[in-house]
Amino acid sequence: MKVMNGRFNPEEATPILTGIINAKLQHHARKISLHDQTEEGIKASENRIKQLEEDLRQSLRFLREAAQRGSRVDIDGVLTIREVPQ
């Protein structure tokens, strides 16, 4: 399913990308706070949080630079959802 497909000025794109990444950060923070998480699961969530924070920093830097050049940005987001047997 096409979640997002469009051209934005950097000021419009910033809250969109920030919102998506923040939702994922909150998801992993909730997973860490669950008491039935394994040590391995907690470490995986902590590592993912670090990666997401770095992704957010890089995205915001890219958008600032695009804004300084007077450019617009394309965001093309595809979401794939499928059932996975346990």
PDB file of N, CA and C in Angstrom:
ATOM      1  N   MET A   1       0.839  -1.170   0.000  1.00  0.00           N
ATOM      2  CA  MET A   1       0.000   0.000   0.000  1.00  0.00           C
ATOM      3  C   MET A   1       0.881   1.228   0.000  1.00  0.00           C
ATOM      4  N   LYS A   2       0.487   2.207  -0.758  1.00  0.00           N
ATOM      5  CA  LYS A   2       1.202   3.470  -0.854  1.00  0.00           C
ATOM      6  C   LYS A   2       0.801   4.323   0.337  1.00  0.00           C
ATOM      7  N   VAL A   3       1.727   4.533   1.247  1.00  0.00           N
ATOM      8  CA  VAL A   3       1.434   5.329   2.435  1.00  0.00           C
ATOM      9  C   VAL A   3       1.611   6.810   2.144  1.00  0.00           C
ATOM     10  N   MET A   4       2.643   7.118   1.392  1.00  0.00           N
ATOM     11  CA  MET A   4       2.948   8.506   1.118  1.00  0.00           C
ATOM     12  C   MET A   4       3.653   8.611  -0.214  1.00  0.00           C
ATOM     13  N   ASN A   5       3.230   9.562  -0.993  1.00  0.00           N
ATOM     14  CA  ASN A   5       3.878   9.801  -2.270  1.00  0.00           C
ATOM     15  C   ASN A   5       3.622  11.246  -2.635  1.00  0.00           C
ATOM     16  N   GLY A   6       4.656  12.057  -2.530  1.00  0.00           N
ATOM     17  CA  GLY A   6       4.439  13.451  -2.869  1.00  0.00           C
ATOM     18  C   GLY A   6       5.701  14.273  -2.837  1.00  0.00           C
ATOM     19  N   ARG A   7       5.554  15.489  -3.307  1.00  0.00           N
ATOM     20  CA  ARG A   7       6.651  16.464  -3.324  1.00  0.00           C
ATOM     21  C   ARG A   7       6.295  17.536  -2.298  1.00  0.00           C
ATOM     22  N   PHE A   8       7.275  17.845  -1.463  1.00  0.00           N
ATOM     23  CA  PHE A   8       7.035  18.765  -0.356  1.00  0.00           C
ATOM     24  C   PHE A   8       8.174  19.770  -0.285  1.00  0.00           C
ATOM     25  N   ASN A   9       7.867  20.940   0.286  1.00  0.00           N
ATOM     26  CA  ASN A   9       8.981  21.799   0.643  1.00  0.00           C
ATOM     27  C   ASN A   9       9.522  21.238   1.960  1.00  0.00           C
ATOM     28  N   PRO A  10      10.769  21.508   2.290  1.00  0.00           N
ATOM     29  CA  PRO A  10      11.361  20.910   3.488  1.00  0.00           C
ATOM     30  C   PRO A  10      10.592  21.212   4.776  1.00  0.00           C
ATOM     31  N   GLU A  11       9.977  22.377   4.842  1.00  0.00           N
ATOM     32  CA  GLU A  11       9.211  22.733   6.042  1.00  0.00           C
ATOM     33  C   GLU A  11       7.977  21.840   6.197  1.00  0.00           C
ATOM     34  N   GLU A  12       7.379  21.432   5.095  1.00  0.00           N
ATOM     35  CA  GLU A  12       6.240  20.513   5.144  1.00  0.00           C
ATOM     36  C   GLU A  12       6.698  19.090   5.468  1.00  0.00           C
ATOM     37  N   ALA A  13       7.846  18.699   4.942  1.00  0.00           N
ATOM     38  CA  ALA A  13       8.338  17.339   5.109  1.00  0.00           C
ATOM     39  C   ALA A  13       8.838  17.063   6.528  1.00  0.00           C
ATOM     40  N   THR A  14       9.347  18.092   7.194  1.00  0.00           N
ATOM     41  CA  THR A  14       9.936  17.895   8.517  1.00  0.00           C
ATOM     42  C   THR A  14       8.970  17.257   9.511  1.00  0.00           C
ATOM     43  N   PRO A  15       7.754  17.800   9.719  1.00  0.00           N
ATOM     44  CA  PRO A  15       6.877  17.155  10.707  1.00  0.00           C
ATOM     45  C   PRO A  15       6.383  15.778  10.255  1.00  0.00           C
ATOM     46  N   ILE A  16       6.309  15.550   8.959  1.00  0.00           N
ATOM     47  CA  ILE A  16       5.880  14.241   8.464  1.00  0.00           C
ATOM     48  C   ILE A  16       6.919  13.189   8.841  1.00  0.00           C
ATOM     49  N   LEU A  17       8.177  13.439   8.475  1.00  0.00           N
ATOM     50  CA  LEU A  17       9.236  12.474   8.779  1.00  0.00           C
ATOM     51  C   LEU A  17       9.475  12.354  10.276  1.00  0.00           C
ATOM     52  N   THR A  18       9.436  13.461  10.984  1.00  0.00           N
ATOM     53  CA  THR A  18       9.623  13.435  12.432  1.00  0.00           C
ATOM     54  C   THR A  18       8.527  12.618  13.101  1.00  0.00           C
ATOM     55  N   GLY A  19       7.301  12.788  12.652  1.00  0.00           N
ATOM     56  CA  GLY A  19       6.181  12.041  13.229  1.00  0.00           C
ATOM     57  C   GLY A  19       6.311  10.544  13.019  1.00  0.00           C
ATOM     58  N   ILE A  20       6.709  10.143  11.824  1.00  0.00           N
ATOM     59  CA  ILE A  20       6.866   8.720  11.528  1.00  0.00           C
ATOM     60  C   ILE A  20       7.966   8.114  12.400  1.00  0.00           C
ATOM     61  N   ILE A  21       9.118   8.775  12.444  1.00  0.00           N
ATOM     62  CA  ILE A  21      10.231   8.238  13.224  1.00  0.00           C
ATOM     63  C   ILE A  21       9.918   8.269  14.716  1.00  0.00           C
ATOM     64  N   ASN A  22       9.266   9.319  15.189  1.00  0.00           N
ATOM     65  CA  ASN A  22       8.892   9.378  16.609  1.00  0.00           C
ATOM     66  C   ASN A  22       7.919   8.265  16.983  1.00  0.00           C
ATOM     67  N   ALA A  23       7.017   7.901  16.087  1.00  0.00           N
ATOM     68  CA  ALA A  23       6.092   6.794  16.356  1.00  0.00           C
ATOM     69  C   ALA A  23       6.866   5.497  16.555  1.00  0.00           C
ATOM     70  N   LYS A  24       7.886   5.273  15.720  1.00  0.00           N
ATOM     71  CA  LYS A  24       8.714   4.069  15.868  1.00  0.00           C
ATOM     72  C   LYS A  24       9.540   4.119  17.163  1.00  0.00           C
ATOM     73  N   LEU A  25      10.051   5.298  17.520  1.00  0.00           N
ATOM     74  CA  LEU A  25      10.795   5.432  18.770  1.00  0.00           C
ATOM     75  C   LEU A  25       9.902   5.096  19.968  1.00  0.00           C
ATOM     76  N   GLN A  26       8.683   5.597  19.961  1.00  0.00           N
ATOM     77  CA  GLN A  26       7.743   5.313  21.045  1.00  0.00           C
ATOM     78  C   GLN A  26       7.405   3.828  21.113  1.00  0.00           C
ATOM     79  N   HIS A  27       7.265   3.200  19.957  1.00  0.00           N
ATOM     80  CA  HIS A  27       6.977   1.765  19.910  1.00  0.00           C
ATOM     81  C   HIS A  27       8.088   0.984  20.614  1.00  0.00           C
ATOM     82  N   HIS A  28       9.336   1.284  20.283  1.00  0.00           N
ATOM     83  CA  HIS A  28      10.449   0.554  20.893  1.00  0.00           C
ATOM     84  C   HIS A  28      10.609   0.898  22.371  1.00  0.00           C
ATOM     85  N   ALA A  29      10.330   2.114  22.758  1.00  0.00           N
ATOM     86  CA  ALA A  29      10.383   2.490  24.178  1.00  0.00           C
ATOM     87  C   ALA A  29       9.338   1.708  24.963  1.00  0.00           C
ATOM     88  N   ARG A  30       8.143   1.541  24.393  1.00  0.00           N
ATOM     89  CA  ARG A  30       7.097   0.745  25.056  1.00  0.00           C
ATOM     90  C   ARG A  30       7.530  -0.705  25.190  1.00  0.00           C
ATOM     91  N   LYS A  31       8.156  -1.242  24.143  1.00  0.00           N
ATOM     92  CA  LYS A  31       8.614  -2.630  24.187  1.00  0.00           C
ATOM     93  C   LYS A  31       9.635  -2.820  25.311  1.00  0.00           C
ATOM     94  N   ILE A  32      10.519  -1.861  25.485  1.00  0.00           N
ATOM     95  CA  ILE A  32      11.527  -1.959  26.542  1.00  0.00           C
ATOM     96  C   ILE A  32      10.860  -1.943  27.912  1.00  0.00           C
ATOM     97  N   SER A  33       9.802  -1.156  28.058  1.00  0.00           N
ATOM     98  CA  SER A  33       9.154  -1.022  29.370  1.00  0.00           C
ATOM     99  C   SER A  33       8.323  -2.249  29.752  1.00  0.00           C
ATOM    100  N   LEU A  34       8.044  -3.134  28.807  1.00  0.00           N
ATOM    101  CA  LEU A  34       7.297  -4.354  29.133  1.00  0.00           C
ATOM    102  C   LEU A  34       8.187  -5.283  29.946  1.00  0.00           C
ATOM    103  N   HIS A  35       7.639  -5.812  30.997  1.00  0.00           N
ATOM    104  CA  HIS A  35       8.431  -6.649  31.888  1.00  0.00           C
ATOM    105  C   HIS A  35       8.627  -8.063  31.363  1.00  0.00           C
ATOM    106  N   ASP A  36       7.890  -8.450  30.335  1.00  0.00           N
ATOM    107  CA  ASP A  36       8.055  -9.801  29.805  1.00  0.00           C
ATOM    108  C   ASP A  36       9.043  -9.847  28.639  1.00  0.00           C
ATOM    109  N   GLN A  37       9.760  -8.753  28.407  1.00  0.00           N
ATOM    110  CA  GLN A  37      10.784  -8.705  27.356  1.00  0.00           C
ATOM    111  C   GLN A  37      12.013  -9.489  27.797  1.00  0.00           C
ATOM    112  N   THR A  38      12.631 -10.177  26.863  1.00  0.00           N
ATOM    113  CA  THR A  38      13.891 -10.848  27.140  1.00  0.00           C
ATOM    114  C   THR A  38      15.027  -9.831  27.047  1.00  0.00           C
ATOM    115  N   GLU A  39      16.176 -10.192  27.603  1.00  0.00           N
ATOM    116  CA  GLU A  39      17.359  -9.338  27.510  1.00  0.00           C
ATOM    117  C   GLU A  39      17.705  -9.069  26.043  1.00  0.00           C
ATOM    118  N   GLU A  40      17.580 -10.106  25.221  1.00  0.00           N
ATOM    119  CA  GLU A  40      17.862  -9.974  23.785  1.00  0.00           C
ATOM    120  C   GLU A  40      16.888  -9.006  23.122  1.00  0.00           C
ATOM    121  N   GLY A  41      15.619  -9.091  23.482  1.00  0.00           N
ATOM    122  CA  GLY A  41      14.610  -8.187  22.929  1.00  0.00           C
ATOM    123  C   GLY A  41      14.840  -6.743  23.333  1.00  0.00           C
ATOM    124  N   ILE A  42      15.242  -6.555  24.588  1.00  0.00           N
ATOM    125  CA  ILE A  42      15.528  -5.201  25.076  1.00  0.00           C
ATOM    126  C   ILE A  42      16.715  -4.615  24.322  1.00  0.00           C
ATOM    127  N   LYS A  43      17.773  -5.404  24.176  1.00  0.00           N
ATOM    128  CA  LYS A  43      18.964  -4.915  23.453  1.00  0.00           C
ATOM    129  C   LYS A  43      18.625  -4.592  21.994  1.00  0.00           C
ATOM    130  N   ALA A  44      17.786  -5.417  21.367  1.00  0.00           N
ATOM    131  CA  ALA A  44      17.389  -5.160  19.981  1.00  0.00           C
ATOM    132  C   ALA A  44      16.623  -3.838  19.889  1.00  0.00           C
ATOM    133  N   SER A  45      15.716  -3.593  20.829  1.00  0.00           N
ATOM    134  CA  SER A  45      14.965  -2.338  20.822  1.00  0.00           C
ATOM    135  C   SER A  45      15.877  -1.147  21.095  1.00  0.00           C
ATOM    136  N   GLU A  46      16.824  -1.307  22.025  1.00  0.00           N
ATOM    137  CA  GLU A  46      17.765  -0.215  22.310  1.00  0.00           C
ATOM    138  C   GLU A  46      18.607   0.112  21.072  1.00  0.00           C
ATOM    139  N   ASN A  47      19.061  -0.919  20.379  1.00  0.00           N
ATOM    140  CA  ASN A  47      19.836  -0.688  19.156  1.00  0.00           C
ATOM    141  C   ASN A  47      18.990  -0.026  18.081  1.00  0.00           C
ATOM    142  N   ARG A  48      17.746  -0.443  17.968  1.00  0.00           N
ATOM    143  CA  ARG A  48      16.857   0.155  16.964  1.00  0.00           C
ATOM    144  C   ARG A  48      16.592   1.619  17.287  1.00  0.00           C
ATOM    145  N   ILE A  49      16.421   1.933  18.565  1.00  0.00           N
ATOM    146  CA  ILE A  49      16.213   3.323  18.976  1.00  0.00           C
ATOM    147  C   ILE A  49      17.414   4.173  18.572  1.00  0.00           C
ATOM    148  N   LYS A  50      18.616   3.678  18.830  1.00  0.00           N
ATOM    149  CA  LYS A  50      19.820   4.421  18.441  1.00  0.00           C
ATOM    150  C   LYS A  50      19.852   4.658  16.934  1.00  0.00           C
ATOM    151  N   GLN A  51      19.510   3.640  16.157  1.00  0.00           N
ATOM    152  CA  GLN A  51      19.515   3.780  14.699  1.00  0.00           C
ATOM    153  C   GLN A  51      18.448   4.770  14.236  1.00  0.00           C
ATOM    154  N   LEU A  52      17.263   4.694  14.828  1.00  0.00           N
ATOM    155  CA  LEU A  52      16.190   5.623  14.462  1.00  0.00           C
ATOM    156  C   LEU A  52      16.569   7.063  14.805  1.00  0.00           C
ATOM    157  N   GLU A  53      17.207   7.262  15.959  1.00  0.00           N
ATOM    158  CA  GLU A  53      17.637   8.611  16.338  1.00  0.00           C
ATOM    159  C   GLU A  53      18.657   9.147  15.338  1.00  0.00           C
ATOM    160  N   GLU A  54      19.562   8.286  14.895  1.00  0.00           N
ATOM    161  CA  GLU A  54      20.544   8.705  13.885  1.00  0.00           C
ATOM    162  C   GLU A  54      19.846   8.991  12.554  1.00  0.00           C
ATOM    163  N   ASP A  55      18.892   8.151  12.177  1.00  0.00           N
ATOM    164  CA  ASP A  55      18.130   8.383  10.944  1.00  0.00           C
ATOM    165  C   ASP A  55      17.407   9.724  10.998  1.00  0.00           C
ATOM    166  N   LEU A  56      16.834  10.045  12.157  1.00  0.00           N
ATOM    167  CA  LEU A  56      16.137  11.323  12.312  1.00  0.00           C
ATOM    168  C   LEU A  56      17.118  12.489  12.172  1.00  0.00           C
ATOM    169  N   ARG A  57      18.272  12.394  12.825  1.00  0.00           N
ATOM    170  CA  ARG A  57      19.283  13.464  12.703  1.00  0.00           C
ATOM    171  C   ARG A  57      19.691  13.665  11.246  1.00  0.00           C
ATOM    172  N   GLN A  58      19.953  12.569  10.538  1.00  0.00           N
ATOM    173  CA  GLN A  58      20.362  12.671   9.135  1.00  0.00           C
ATOM    174  C   GLN A  58      19.242  13.248   8.270  1.00  0.00           C
ATOM    175  N   SER A  59      18.014  12.842   8.537  1.00  0.00           N
ATOM    176  CA  SER A  59      16.880  13.353   7.759  1.00  0.00           C
ATOM    177  C   SER A  59      16.705  14.849   7.967  1.00  0.00           C
ATOM    178  N   LEU A  60      16.786  15.284   9.224  1.00  0.00           N
ATOM    179  CA  LEU A  60      16.622  16.707   9.515  1.00  0.00           C
ATOM    180  C   LEU A  60      17.754  17.526   8.912  1.00  0.00           C
ATOM    181  N   ARG A  61      18.966  16.995   8.944  1.00  0.00           N
ATOM    182  CA  ARG A  61      20.103  17.677   8.319  1.00  0.00           C
ATOM    183  C   ARG A  61      19.876  17.800   6.809  1.00  0.00           C
ATOM    184  N   PHE A  62      19.444  16.717   6.179  1.00  0.00           N
ATOM    185  CA  PHE A  62      19.158  16.722   4.742  1.00  0.00           C
ATOM    186  C   PHE A  62      18.091  17.763   4.409  1.00  0.00           C
ATOM    187  N   LEU A  63      17.029  17.815   5.203  1.00  0.00           N
ATOM    188  CA  LEU A  63      15.942  18.774   4.945  1.00  0.00           C
ATOM    189  C   LEU A  63      16.407  20.215   5.139  1.00  0.00           C
ATOM    190  N   ARG A  64      17.242  20.464   6.157  1.00  0.00           N
ATOM    191  CA  ARG A  64      17.785  21.820   6.356  1.00  0.00           C
ATOM    192  C   ARG A  64      18.623  22.247   5.153  1.00  0.00           C
ATOM    193  N   GLU A  65      19.462  21.321   4.672  1.00  0.00           N
ATOM    194  CA  GLU A  65      20.301  21.635   3.523  1.00  0.00           C
ATOM    195  C   GLU A  65      19.462  21.867   2.268  1.00  0.00           C
ATOM    196  N   ALA A  66      18.430  21.068   2.075  1.00  0.00           N
ATOM    197  CA  ALA A  66      17.539  21.249   0.921  1.00  0.00           C
ATOM    198  C   ALA A  66      16.840  22.608   1.017  1.00  0.00           C
ATOM    199  N   ALA A  67      16.429  22.986   2.221  1.00  0.00           N
ATOM    200  CA  ALA A  67      15.764  24.280   2.415  1.00  0.00           C
ATOM    201  C   ALA A  67      16.724  25.427   2.094  1.00  0.00           C
ATOM    202  N   GLN A  68      17.968  25.301   2.498  1.00  0.00           N
ATOM    203  CA  GLN A  68      18.957  26.344   2.229  1.00  0.00           C
ATOM    204  C   GLN A  68      19.192  26.522   0.733  1.00  0.00           C
ATOM    205  N   ARG A  69      19.071  25.434  -0.025  1.00  0.00           N
ATOM    206  CA  ARG A  69      19.247  25.511  -1.476  1.00  0.00           C
ATOM    207  C   ARG A  69      17.951  25.905  -2.186  1.00  0.00           C
ATOM    208  N   GLY A  70      16.860  26.013  -1.430  1.00  0.00           N
ATOM    209  CA  GLY A  70      15.583  26.349  -2.033  1.00  0.00           C
ATOM    210  C   GLY A  70      14.936  25.186  -2.774  1.00  0.00           C
ATOM    211  N   SER A  71      15.336  23.977  -2.427  1.00  0.00           N
ATOM    212  CA  SER A  71      14.821  22.784  -3.103  1.00  0.00           C
ATOM    213  C   SER A  71      13.565  22.252  -2.433  1.00  0.00           C
ATOM    214  N   ARG A  72      12.908  21.375  -3.139  1.00  0.00           N
ATOM    215  CA  ARG A  72      11.790  20.604  -2.605  1.00  0.00           C
ATOM    216  C   ARG A  72      12.270  19.164  -2.489  1.00  0.00           C
ATOM    217  N   VAL A  73      11.521  18.334  -1.788  1.00  0.00           N
ATOM    218  CA  VAL A  73      11.917  16.940  -1.614  1.00  0.00           C
ATOM    219  C   VAL A  73      10.751  16.032  -1.983  1.00  0.00           C
ATOM    220  N   ASP A  74      11.095  14.886  -2.532  1.00  0.00           N
ATOM    221  CA  ASP A  74      10.101  13.852  -2.804  1.00  0.00           C
ATOM    222  C   ASP A  74      10.137  12.843  -1.666  1.00  0.00           C
ATOM    223  N   ILE A  75       8.972  12.475  -1.188  1.00  0.00           N
ATOM    224  CA  ILE A  75       8.855  11.397  -0.208  1.00  0.00           C
ATOM    225  C   ILE A  75       8.006  10.318  -0.853  1.00  0.00           C
ATOM    226  N   ASP A  76       8.560   9.136  -0.913  1.00  0.00           N
ATOM    227  CA  ASP A  76       7.871   7.999  -1.508  1.00  0.00           C
ATOM    228  C   ASP A  76       7.921   6.862  -0.503  1.00  0.00           C
ATOM    229  N   GLY A  77       6.828   6.636   0.186  1.00  0.00           N
ATOM    230  CA  GLY A  77       6.803   5.613   1.230  1.00  0.00           C
ATOM    231  C   GLY A  77       5.840   4.493   0.900  1.00  0.00           C
ATOM    232  N   VAL A  78       6.364   3.297   0.858  1.00  0.00           N
ATOM    233  CA  VAL A  78       5.558   2.112   0.596  1.00  0.00           C
ATOM    234  C   VAL A  78       5.546   1.273   1.866  1.00  0.00           C
ATOM    235  N   LEU A  79       4.386   0.831   2.269  1.00  0.00           N
ATOM    236  CA  LEU A  79       4.229   0.001   3.453  1.00  0.00           C
ATOM    237  C   LEU A  79       3.768  -1.376   3.009  1.00  0.00           C
ATOM    238  N   THR A  80       4.511  -2.387   3.394  1.00  0.00           N
ATOM    239  CA  THR A  80       4.149  -3.755   3.069  1.00  0.00           C
ATOM    240  C   THR A  80       3.700  -4.441   4.354  1.00  0.00           C
ATOM    241  N   ILE A  81       2.505  -4.997   4.333  1.00  0.00           N
ATOM    242  CA  ILE A  81       1.976  -5.708   5.494  1.00  0.00           C
ATOM    243  C   ILE A  81       1.687  -7.130   5.046  1.00  0.00           C
ATOM    244  N   ARG A  82       2.255  -8.096   5.774  1.00  0.00           N
ATOM    245  CA  ARG A  82       1.989  -9.495   5.449  1.00  0.00           C
ATOM    246  C   ARG A  82       1.947 -10.314   6.725  1.00  0.00           C
ATOM    247  N   GLU A  83       1.191 -11.359   6.693  1.00  0.00           N
ATOM    248  CA  GLU A  83       1.090 -12.258   7.830  1.00  0.00           C
ATOM    249  C   GLU A  83       2.323 -13.149   7.890  1.00  0.00           C
ATOM    250  N   VAL A  84       2.822 -13.339   9.113  1.00  0.00           N
ATOM    251  CA  VAL A  84       3.990 -14.190   9.329  1.00  0.00           C
ATOM    252  C   VAL A  84       3.625 -15.233  10.381  1.00  0.00           C
ATOM    253  N   PRO A  85       3.611 -16.500  10.029  1.00  0.00           N
ATOM    254  CA  PRO A  85       3.294 -17.531  11.023  1.00  0.00           C
ATOM    255  C   PRO A  85       4.321 -17.530  12.155  1.00  0.00           C
ATOM    256  N   GLN A  86       3.879 -17.807  13.352  1.00  0.00           N
ATOM    257  CA  GLN A  86       4.792 -17.818  14.499  1.00  0.00           C
ATOM    258  C   GLN A  86       5.463 -19.143  14.680  1.00  0.00           C
TER     259      GLN A  86
END
